[in-house]
Amino acid sequence: MSFSTPRSHSAPPRVGLLGGSFNPAHEGHLHISLEALKTLQLDAVWWLVSPQNPLKPAQGMADLADRFDSALMMAKHPRIVVSAIESELGTRYTADTLAALQRRFTRTRFVWLMGADNLAQFHKWKWWDRLILRAPIAVLDREGYSNKALSGTAAKRMERWRIPSDRAGLLADLDVPAWVYLPIKRHPASSTAIRAEGRWQV
């Protein structure tokens, strides 16, 4: 059974934020976004194409314009919005980006979306402990990462704030900190594999 609550037309919009390099964007990004829209009962998902991920080397990273275009081509859905707003905001770290978005969009209920691979290294993110106090987080399952992610440093520290997956529809309206792990159907696509196969030239 999944839990949900009736929402009025005047309710604050619920928006999932999926940050990343999108080097390039692929069907896996689209898959988890559609799952998040449905399972978390979101109104939209914004893809935040990062100018440069601080945890990834600049070498091998395509230009922002090329990555943005790849995201536009992949995000063929009326409720998925592609944005490079971090360039405008001048933010580098996720915690700062989220804070700036919350100042700008004061009525919006943001949920930070991440794959299980990111949860496994979440404790390495700059000010990750501030991020969990800013917005609820939804972690989406990914092939080969579930055990590592759920037994990792961040997951253990956040365990007391985790909600059952059958309550995921309530996440956007919960007080922080709160997070959920979603055991969704996995998609095999990855940017690394696409580059390795030569289907994306930097």
Protein backbone atom coordinates (compact mmCIF):
# COMPACT_ATOMS: atom_id res chain seq x y z
CA MET A 1 0.00 0.00 0.00
CA SER A 2 1.28 3.49 -0.81
CA PHE A 3 0.30 6.56 1.14
CA SER A 4 -0.81 9.79 -0.49
CA THR A 5 -2.82 12.82 0.47
CA PRO A 6 -5.39 14.74 -1.60
CA ARG A 7 -3.95 18.05 -2.78
CA SER A 8 -5.79 21.23 -3.65
CA HIS A 9 -5.05 23.23 -6.78
CA SER A 10 -3.52 25.93 -4.59
CA ALA A 11 -1.04 23.56 -2.91
CA PRO A 12 2.65 24.47 -3.27
CA PRO A 13 4.24 22.79 -6.28
CA ARG A 14 6.39 19.73 -5.61
CA VAL A 15 9.58 19.68 -7.66
CA GLY A 16 12.27 17.02 -7.78
CA LEU A 17 15.80 18.26 -8.43
CA LEU A 18 18.15 15.94 -10.31
CA GLY A 19 21.62 17.39 -10.46
CA GLY A 20 24.45 15.98 -12.49
CA SER A 21 27.00 16.36 -15.25
CA PHE A 22 24.74 14.74 -17.88
CA ASN A 23 27.88 13.81 -19.80
CA PRO A 24 25.79 12.86 -21.72
CA ALA A 25 22.15 12.64 -20.64
CA HIS A 26 20.70 9.18 -21.29
CA GLU A 27 17.61 7.03 -20.90
CA GLY A 28 18.56 6.18 -17.31
CA HIS A 29 18.11 9.83 -16.33
CA LEU A 30 14.71 9.84 -17.98
CA HIS A 31 13.75 6.54 -16.33
CA ILE A 32 14.49 7.65 -12.77
CA SER A 33 12.79 11.00 -13.39
CA LEU A 34 9.59 9.33 -14.53
CA GLU A 35 9.72 6.98 -11.55
CA ALA A 36 10.21 9.95 -9.22
CA LEU A 37 7.31 11.87 -10.76
CA LYS A 38 5.01 8.92 -10.16
CA THR A 39 6.25 7.52 -6.85
CA LEU A 40 6.88 10.84 -5.09
CA GLN A 41 3.79 12.48 -6.62
CA LEU A 42 5.80 15.38 -7.97
CA ASP A 43 4.54 18.13 -10.24
CA ALA A 44 7.85 18.40 -12.11
CA VAL A 45 11.46 17.28 -12.18
CA TRP A 46 14.20 19.77 -12.96
CA TRP A 47 17.46 18.51 -14.44
CA LEU A 48 20.23 20.75 -13.14
CA VAL A 49 23.11 20.43 -15.59
CA SER A 50 26.21 21.22 -13.55
CA PRO A 51 28.92 23.50 -14.97
CA GLN A 52 31.49 21.21 -13.31
CA ASN A 53 30.94 18.54 -10.67
CA PRO A 54 33.53 19.17 -7.91
CA LEU A 55 33.98 15.40 -7.46
CA LYS A 56 34.66 14.72 -11.14
CA PRO A 57 37.74 15.64 -13.20
CA ALA A 58 37.40 18.35 -15.83
CA GLN A 59 39.27 16.13 -18.27
CA GLY A 60 36.77 14.14 -20.29
CA MET A 61 33.93 16.55 -19.47
CA ALA A 62 32.12 17.95 -22.48
CA ASP A 63 31.27 21.64 -22.69
CA LEU A 64 28.25 22.74 -20.69
CA ALA A 65 26.41 23.71 -23.89
CA ASP A 66 26.85 20.22 -25.36
CA ARG A 67 25.72 18.50 -22.16
CA PHE A 68 22.75 20.85 -21.88
CA ASP A 69 21.76 20.03 -25.46
CA SER A 70 22.01 16.30 -24.77
CA ALA A 71 19.66 16.77 -21.82
CA LEU A 72 17.17 18.73 -23.93
CA MET A 73 17.15 15.95 -26.52
CA MET A 74 16.57 13.26 -23.89
CA ALA A 75 14.02 15.05 -21.67
CA LYS A 76 11.04 14.69 -23.97
CA HIS A 77 8.41 15.04 -21.27
CA PRO A 78 6.18 18.02 -20.40
CA ARG A 79 7.04 17.82 -16.69
CA ILE A 80 10.82 17.51 -17.04
CA VAL A 81 12.62 20.85 -17.22
CA VAL A 82 16.28 21.16 -18.24
CA SER A 83 18.19 23.97 -16.56
CA ALA A 84 21.73 25.28 -16.23
CA ILE A 85 20.69 27.66 -13.47
CA GLU A 86 23.82 26.97 -11.42
CA SER A 87 25.75 29.03 -13.96
CA GLU A 88 23.41 31.95 -13.32
CA LEU A 89 23.42 31.47 -9.54
CA GLY A 90 27.20 31.15 -9.42
CA THR A 91 26.97 28.17 -7.07
CA ARG A 92 29.32 25.19 -7.14
CA TYR A 93 28.10 22.95 -4.34
CA THR A 94 24.68 21.32 -4.12
CA ALA A 95 23.91 22.71 -0.67
CA ASP A 96 24.47 26.26 -1.94
CA THR A 97 22.43 25.64 -5.10
CA LEU A 98 19.51 24.29 -3.13
CA ALA A 99 19.61 27.22 -0.70
CA ALA A 100 19.60 29.69 -3.60
CA LEU A 101 16.67 27.94 -5.29
CA GLN A 102 14.68 27.96 -2.07
CA ARG A 103 15.25 31.70 -1.71
CA ARG A 104 14.09 32.28 -5.28
CA PHE A 105 11.13 29.87 -5.33
CA THR A 106 9.75 30.36 -1.87
CA ARG A 107 6.51 28.37 -2.32
CA THR A 108 8.03 25.34 -4.01
CA ARG A 109 8.51 22.10 -2.09
CA PHE A 110 11.81 20.74 -3.40
CA VAL A 111 12.96 17.12 -3.15
CA TRP A 112 16.57 16.30 -3.94
CA LEU A 113 16.85 13.24 -6.18
CA MET A 114 19.93 11.05 -6.40
CA GLY A 115 20.90 7.61 -7.58
CA ALA A 116 22.20 4.96 -5.20
CA ASP A 117 25.71 5.53 -6.58
CA ASN A 118 25.61 9.07 -5.21
CA LEU A 119 24.35 7.95 -1.81
CA ALA A 120 27.40 5.70 -1.54
CA GLN A 121 29.66 8.78 -1.73
CA PHE A 122 27.26 11.34 -0.28
CA HIS A 123 29.40 11.85 2.83
CA LYS A 124 32.14 13.23 0.55
CA TRP A 125 29.93 16.04 -0.72
CA LYS A 126 30.74 19.51 0.54
CA TRP A 127 28.29 20.42 3.35
CA TRP A 128 26.23 17.28 2.81
CA ASP A 129 25.04 17.54 6.39
CA ARG A 130 23.54 20.96 5.56
CA LEU A 131 21.85 19.59 2.48
CA ILE A 132 19.83 17.02 4.44
CA LEU A 133 18.45 19.84 6.57
CA ARG A 134 17.31 21.82 3.53
CA ALA A 135 15.09 19.39 1.64
CA PRO A 136 13.85 15.83 1.74
CA ILE A 137 15.95 13.40 -0.29
CA ALA A 138 14.85 10.51 -2.47
CA VAL A 139 17.45 7.90 -3.40
CA LEU A 140 16.64 5.77 -6.44
CA ASP A 141 18.02 2.27 -6.75
CA ARG A 142 20.76 1.59 -9.29
CA GLU A 143 22.34 -1.63 -10.48
CA GLY A 144 25.34 -2.64 -8.42
CA TYR A 145 25.03 0.06 -5.76
CA SER A 146 22.15 -0.78 -3.40
CA ASN A 147 24.14 -2.72 -0.80
CA LYS A 148 27.10 -0.34 -0.88
CA ALA A 149 24.83 2.70 -0.65
CA LEU A 150 22.67 1.47 2.23
CA SER A 151 25.67 0.27 4.25
CA GLY A 152 27.69 3.43 3.61
CA THR A 153 28.60 6.27 5.93
CA ALA A 154 25.82 8.66 4.93
CA ALA A 155 23.02 6.08 5.02
CA LYS A 156 24.05 4.93 8.48
CA ARG A 157 24.15 8.48 9.82
CA MET A 158 20.77 9.28 8.29
CA GLU A 159 19.05 5.99 9.17
CA ARG A 160 16.82 7.49 11.88
CA TRP A 161 15.28 9.88 9.34
CA ARG A 162 14.51 7.29 6.69
CA ILE A 163 10.86 6.65 5.88
CA PRO A 164 9.42 3.45 4.35
CA SER A 165 9.18 3.42 0.57
CA ASP A 166 5.41 2.96 0.73
CA ARG A 167 5.17 6.45 2.25
CA ALA A 168 7.20 8.07 -0.54
CA GLY A 169 4.18 10.02 -1.78
CA LEU A 170 4.30 12.06 1.44
CA LEU A 171 8.01 12.90 1.29
CA ALA A 172 7.74 16.33 -0.34
CA ASP A 173 5.56 17.63 2.47
CA LEU A 174 7.52 16.20 5.40
CA ASP A 175 9.67 18.29 7.71
CA VAL A 176 13.40 17.81 7.23
CA PRO A 177 15.42 15.79 7.72
CA ALA A 178 13.63 13.01 5.87
CA TRP A 179 14.65 10.63 3.12
CA VAL A 180 13.51 7.51 1.31
CA TYR A 181 15.17 4.72 -0.65
CA LEU A 182 13.11 3.73 -3.68
CA PRO A 183 13.63 0.16 -4.95
CA ILE A 184 12.58 1.03 -8.49
CA LYS A 185 13.05 -1.07 -11.59
CA ARG A 186 16.67 -0.60 -12.62
CA HIS A 187 17.88 0.83 -15.92
CA PRO A 188 21.29 -0.23 -17.27
CA ALA A 189 22.25 3.01 -19.05
CA SER A 190 25.23 5.01 -17.79
CA SER A 191 27.15 8.00 -19.10
CA THR A 192 30.45 6.18 -18.47
CA ALA A 193 29.42 3.26 -20.68
CA ILE A 194 28.16 5.56 -23.43
CA ARG A 195 31.51 7.40 -23.51
CA ALA A 196 33.46 4.13 -23.41
CA GLU A 197 31.51 2.85 -26.40
CA GLY A 198 32.35 5.98 -28.36
CA ARG A 199 28.74 7.11 -28.64
CA TRP A 200 29.56 10.46 -27.02
CA GLN A 201 32.60 12.40 -28.11
CA VAL A 202 34.08 15.08 -25.84
